[in-house]
Amino acid sequence: MSVPLYQAKTDFLRMLGPLQDGPLPARDLLTAIETEPSGLSQQPAVLRRSGIVTSTREGATGAYELAGGDAADLLKAARRILTEVPAGRNELPAEPRGTEVVAR
């Protein structure tokens, strides 16, 4: 299954965003990103394998956090860019640039 690159980027940032303030229990992450439990288990697994997030488990409760480095820097940069949108430009473009597609 392939999705447009802009959608993959959106999903990536949506998954990592709640983790920028530190570890988050899986149930809270599920609420923050508004996904079903089955989707939650798949997304962090991919991010763990790539070294972007780490996970810990205490009993039946799992928690996720950013592994640091590039992902944390990316989130800081995205937050800065999106909060410093020039005056008069309070909306992002309606159509994404490019038509790149990524495989899932």
N, C-alpha and C. Protein backbone atom coordinates (compact mmCIF):
# COMPACT_ATOMS: atom_id res chain seq x y z
N MET A 1 0.86 -1.18 0.00
CA MET A 1 0.00 0.00 0.00
C MET A 1 0.90 1.23 0.00
N SER A 2 0.61 2.19 -0.85
CA SER A 2 1.41 3.40 -0.88
C SER A 2 0.52 4.60 -0.54
N VAL A 3 1.16 5.59 0.06
CA VAL A 3 0.46 6.82 0.44
C VAL A 3 1.29 7.99 -0.05
N PRO A 4 0.65 9.13 -0.25
CA PRO A 4 1.41 10.32 -0.64
C PRO A 4 2.44 10.65 0.43
N LEU A 5 3.57 11.16 0.01
CA LEU A 5 4.64 11.50 0.94
C LEU A 5 4.17 12.49 2.01
N TYR A 6 3.35 13.47 1.62
CA TYR A 6 2.88 14.44 2.61
C TYR A 6 2.07 13.75 3.71
N GLN A 7 1.32 12.69 3.36
CA GLN A 7 0.55 11.96 4.37
C GLN A 7 1.48 11.17 5.29
N ALA A 8 2.52 10.58 4.74
CA ALA A 8 3.49 9.86 5.56
C ALA A 8 4.18 10.81 6.53
N LYS A 9 4.50 12.02 6.07
CA LYS A 9 5.12 13.02 6.94
C LYS A 9 4.17 13.43 8.06
N THR A 10 2.91 13.63 7.71
CA THR A 10 1.90 14.00 8.70
C THR A 10 1.76 12.92 9.76
N ASP A 11 1.67 11.68 9.32
CA ASP A 11 1.55 10.56 10.26
C ASP A 11 2.78 10.48 11.17
N PHE A 12 3.94 10.69 10.60
CA PHE A 12 5.20 10.63 11.35
C PHE A 12 5.22 11.69 12.45
N LEU A 13 4.90 12.93 12.09
CA LEU A 13 4.91 14.01 13.08
C LEU A 13 3.79 13.84 14.11
N ARG A 14 2.65 13.35 13.66
CA ARG A 14 1.54 13.13 14.59
C ARG A 14 1.90 12.08 15.62
N MET A 15 2.64 11.07 15.21
CA MET A 15 3.05 10.01 16.13
C MET A 15 4.11 10.51 17.11
N LEU A 16 5.06 11.29 16.63
CA LEU A 16 6.16 11.73 17.48
C LEU A 16 5.83 12.95 18.34
N GLY A 17 4.92 13.78 17.89
CA GLY A 17 4.60 15.01 18.61
C GLY A 17 4.34 14.85 20.09
N PRO A 18 3.47 13.93 20.48
CA PRO A 18 3.19 13.78 21.91
C PRO A 18 4.40 13.32 22.73
N LEU A 19 5.41 12.77 22.08
CA LEU A 19 6.58 12.24 22.79
C LEU A 19 7.64 13.30 23.05
N GLN A 20 7.47 14.50 22.53
CA GLN A 20 8.52 15.51 22.65
C GLN A 20 8.72 16.00 24.08
N ASP A 21 7.75 15.77 24.95
CA ASP A 21 7.89 16.22 26.34
C ASP A 21 8.32 15.11 27.28
N GLY A 22 8.72 13.98 26.74
CA GLY A 22 9.19 12.89 27.58
C GLY A 22 8.39 11.62 27.38
N PRO A 23 8.73 10.60 28.16
CA PRO A 23 8.05 9.30 28.01
C PRO A 23 6.54 9.43 28.19
N LEU A 24 5.83 8.59 27.47
CA LEU A 24 4.37 8.62 27.53
C LEU A 24 3.86 7.19 27.56
N PRO A 25 3.00 6.86 28.53
CA PRO A 25 2.41 5.52 28.54
C PRO A 25 1.65 5.27 27.24
N ALA A 26 1.64 4.02 26.82
CA ALA A 26 0.98 3.67 25.56
C ALA A 26 -0.47 4.13 25.52
N ARG A 27 -1.21 3.99 26.61
CA ARG A 27 -2.62 4.39 26.62
C ARG A 27 -2.77 5.89 26.38
N ASP A 28 -1.84 6.70 26.92
CA ASP A 28 -1.90 8.15 26.71
C ASP A 28 -1.51 8.52 25.29
N LEU A 29 -0.55 7.78 24.74
CA LEU A 29 -0.15 8.01 23.36
C LEU A 29 -1.31 7.69 22.43
N LEU A 30 -2.01 6.62 22.71
CA LEU A 30 -3.17 6.22 21.93
C LEU A 30 -4.21 7.34 21.90
N THR A 31 -4.47 7.94 23.05
CA THR A 31 -5.43 9.05 23.14
C THR A 31 -4.91 10.27 22.38
N ALA A 32 -3.63 10.57 22.54
CA ALA A 32 -3.05 11.77 21.93
C ALA A 32 -3.08 11.73 20.41
N ILE A 33 -2.84 10.55 19.83
CA ILE A 33 -2.79 10.49 18.37
C ILE A 33 -4.08 10.00 17.75
N GLU A 34 -5.07 9.72 18.60
CA GLU A 34 -6.40 9.34 18.14
C GLU A 34 -6.35 8.19 17.13
N THR A 35 -5.84 7.07 17.58
CA THR A 35 -5.80 5.89 16.73
C THR A 35 -6.30 4.69 17.51
N GLU A 36 -6.59 3.64 16.80
CA GLU A 36 -7.06 2.40 17.43
C GLU A 36 -5.87 1.66 18.03
N PRO A 37 -6.10 0.84 19.06
CA PRO A 37 -5.00 0.09 19.68
C PRO A 37 -4.19 -0.73 18.69
N SER A 38 -4.84 -1.31 17.68
CA SER A 38 -4.10 -2.12 16.70
C SER A 38 -3.12 -1.25 15.91
N GLY A 39 -3.50 -0.02 15.60
CA GLY A 39 -2.61 0.89 14.88
C GLY A 39 -1.46 1.36 15.73
N LEU A 40 -1.71 1.51 17.03
CA LEU A 40 -0.66 1.98 17.92
C LEU A 40 0.48 0.99 18.02
N SER A 41 0.18 -0.27 18.04
CA SER A 41 1.24 -1.26 18.19
C SER A 41 2.12 -1.33 16.95
N GLN A 42 1.58 -1.04 15.78
CA GLN A 42 2.35 -1.12 14.54
C GLN A 42 3.26 0.09 14.35
N GLN A 43 2.76 1.29 14.61
CA GLN A 43 3.53 2.50 14.35
C GLN A 43 4.79 2.59 15.21
N PRO A 44 4.70 2.43 16.53
CA PRO A 44 5.93 2.50 17.33
C PRO A 44 6.92 1.38 17.01
N ALA A 45 6.42 0.23 16.58
CA ALA A 45 7.32 -0.87 16.24
C ALA A 45 8.25 -0.46 15.10
N VAL A 46 7.70 0.21 14.12
CA VAL A 46 8.51 0.69 12.99
C VAL A 46 9.51 1.74 13.49
N LEU A 47 9.05 2.65 14.33
CA LEU A 47 9.92 3.71 14.85
C LEU A 47 11.00 3.14 15.78
N ARG A 48 10.66 2.10 16.54
CA ARG A 48 11.67 1.45 17.41
C ARG A 48 12.75 0.80 16.57
N ARG A 49 12.34 0.07 15.54
CA ARG A 49 13.33 -0.61 14.68
C ARG A 49 14.27 0.39 14.02
N SER A 50 13.77 1.57 13.73
CA SER A 50 14.61 2.58 13.08
C SER A 50 15.42 3.40 14.08
N GLY A 51 15.19 3.17 15.39
CA GLY A 51 15.95 3.88 16.41
C GLY A 51 15.43 5.26 16.74
N ILE A 52 14.22 5.59 16.31
CA ILE A 52 13.66 6.91 16.55
C ILE A 52 13.01 7.00 17.92
N VAL A 53 12.36 5.91 18.37
CA VAL A 53 11.78 5.86 19.70
C VAL A 53 12.31 4.64 20.44
N THR A 54 12.21 4.71 21.76
CA THR A 54 12.52 3.56 22.60
C THR A 54 11.27 3.24 23.40
N SER A 55 11.23 2.03 23.91
CA SER A 55 10.08 1.65 24.73
C SER A 55 10.56 0.97 26.00
N THR A 56 9.76 1.11 27.03
CA THR A 56 10.02 0.45 28.30
C THR A 56 8.72 -0.22 28.73
N ARG A 57 8.85 -1.20 29.59
CA ARG A 57 7.66 -1.89 30.07
C ARG A 57 7.78 -2.09 31.57
N GLU A 58 6.73 -1.71 32.28
CA GLU A 58 6.62 -1.98 33.71
C GLU A 58 5.34 -2.76 33.90
N GLY A 59 5.46 -4.05 34.14
CA GLY A 59 4.28 -4.90 34.24
C GLY A 59 3.56 -4.95 32.92
N ALA A 60 2.27 -4.65 32.96
CA ALA A 60 1.47 -4.67 31.73
C ALA A 60 1.47 -3.33 31.00
N THR A 61 2.12 -2.32 31.58
CA THR A 61 2.10 -0.98 30.99
C THR A 61 3.39 -0.70 30.22
N GLY A 62 3.22 -0.32 28.97
CA GLY A 62 4.36 0.08 28.15
C GLY A 62 4.38 1.58 27.98
N ALA A 63 5.57 2.12 27.78
CA ALA A 63 5.72 3.56 27.55
C ALA A 63 6.70 3.76 26.41
N TYR A 64 6.51 4.86 25.69
CA TYR A 64 7.38 5.21 24.56
C TYR A 64 8.01 6.56 24.81
N GLU A 65 9.21 6.74 24.26
CA GLU A 65 9.84 8.06 24.30
C GLU A 65 10.78 8.20 23.12
N LEU A 66 11.08 9.45 22.77
CA LEU A 66 12.01 9.71 21.69
C LEU A 66 13.38 9.20 22.08
N ALA A 67 14.09 8.64 21.13
CA ALA A 67 15.45 8.17 21.39
C ALA A 67 16.42 9.34 21.45
N GLY A 68 15.96 10.53 21.06
CA GLY A 68 16.81 11.71 21.08
C GLY A 68 17.35 12.00 19.70
N GLY A 69 18.34 12.84 19.64
CA GLY A 69 19.00 13.13 18.37
C GLY A 69 18.13 13.81 17.34
N ASP A 70 18.19 13.30 16.13
CA ASP A 70 17.55 13.94 14.99
C ASP A 70 16.04 14.11 15.14
N ALA A 71 15.35 13.11 15.69
CA ALA A 71 13.90 13.22 15.83
C ALA A 71 13.52 14.37 16.75
N ALA A 72 14.21 14.50 17.87
CA ALA A 72 13.93 15.60 18.80
C ALA A 72 14.23 16.95 18.14
N ASP A 73 15.33 17.02 17.39
CA ASP A 73 15.68 18.26 16.69
C ASP A 73 14.63 18.60 15.63
N LEU A 74 14.14 17.58 14.92
CA LEU A 74 13.11 17.78 13.91
C LEU A 74 11.85 18.36 14.52
N LEU A 75 11.42 17.81 15.65
CA LEU A 75 10.21 18.30 16.30
C LEU A 75 10.38 19.74 16.79
N LYS A 76 11.55 20.06 17.32
CA LYS A 76 11.81 21.44 17.76
C LYS A 76 11.75 22.39 16.57
N ALA A 77 12.36 21.98 15.47
CA ALA A 77 12.36 22.83 14.28
C ALA A 77 10.95 22.99 13.72
N ALA A 78 10.18 21.91 13.67
CA ALA A 78 8.81 21.99 13.17
C ALA A 78 7.97 22.91 14.04
N ARG A 79 8.12 22.80 15.35
CA ARG A 79 7.36 23.66 16.26
C ARG A 79 7.72 25.13 16.03
N ARG A 80 9.02 25.40 15.89
CA ARG A 80 9.48 26.77 15.67
C ARG A 80 8.93 27.32 14.35
N ILE A 81 9.02 26.53 13.31
CA ILE A 81 8.54 26.98 12.00
C ILE A 81 7.04 27.24 12.02
N LEU A 82 6.29 26.33 12.61
CA LEU A 82 4.83 26.45 12.61
C LEU A 82 4.31 27.53 13.55
N THR A 83 5.08 27.87 14.57
CA THR A 83 4.63 28.94 15.47
C THR A 83 5.13 30.30 15.03
N GLU A 84 6.03 30.33 14.08
CA GLU A 84 6.55 31.60 13.59
C GLU A 84 6.09 31.89 12.17
N VAL A 85 4.89 31.40 11.82
CA VAL A 85 4.34 31.67 10.49
C VAL A 85 4.19 33.18 10.37
N PRO A 86 4.70 33.77 9.30
CA PRO A 86 4.64 35.23 9.15
C PRO A 86 3.22 35.78 9.27
N ALA A 87 3.11 36.97 9.85
CA ALA A 87 1.82 37.63 10.00
C ALA A 87 1.15 37.72 8.64
N GLY A 88 -0.15 37.51 8.61
CA GLY A 88 -0.88 37.56 7.34
C GLY A 88 -0.92 36.23 6.62
N ARG A 89 -0.12 35.28 7.07
CA ARG A 89 -0.13 33.94 6.47
C ARG A 89 -0.54 32.96 7.54
N ASN A 90 -1.77 33.02 7.97
CA ASN A 90 -2.20 32.17 9.06
C ASN A 90 -2.79 30.84 8.60
N GLU A 91 -2.63 30.53 7.31
CA GLU A 91 -3.06 29.24 6.80
C GLU A 91 -1.95 28.63 5.98
N LEU A 92 -1.84 27.32 6.07
CA LEU A 92 -0.89 26.59 5.25
C LEU A 92 -1.51 26.38 3.88
N PRO A 93 -0.70 26.13 2.86
CA PRO A 93 -1.25 25.91 1.52
C PRO A 93 -2.27 24.78 1.51
N ALA A 94 -3.33 24.93 0.74
CA ALA A 94 -4.38 23.92 0.67
C ALA A 94 -3.89 22.65 -0.01
N GLU A 95 -3.08 22.78 -1.03
CA GLU A 95 -2.57 21.63 -1.76
C GLU A 95 -1.09 21.45 -1.48
N PRO A 96 -0.67 20.24 -1.17
CA PRO A 96 0.75 20.00 -0.93
C PRO A 96 1.55 20.11 -2.23
N ARG A 97 2.77 20.53 -2.08
CA ARG A 97 3.66 20.58 -3.26
C ARG A 97 4.13 19.17 -3.58
N GLY A 98 4.33 18.90 -4.84
CA GLY A 98 4.86 17.62 -5.25
C GLY A 98 3.82 16.52 -5.14
N THR A 99 4.12 15.42 -5.76
CA THR A 99 3.20 14.30 -5.75
C THR A 99 3.91 13.02 -5.35
N GLU A 100 4.93 13.17 -4.50
CA GLU A 100 5.70 12.01 -4.10
C GLU A 100 4.83 11.04 -3.31
N VAL A 101 5.12 9.75 -3.48
CA VAL A 101 4.37 8.69 -2.82
C VAL A 101 5.37 7.77 -2.14
N VAL A 102 5.03 7.29 -0.95
CA VAL A 102 5.89 6.33 -0.25
C VAL A 102 5.11 5.05 -0.03
N ALA A 103 5.82 3.94 -0.01
CA ALA A 103 5.20 2.64 0.24
C ALA A 103 5.12 2.41 1.73
N ARG A 104 4.05 1.78 2.16
CA ARG A 104 3.87 1.45 3.58
C ARG A 104 3.94 -0.03 3.77
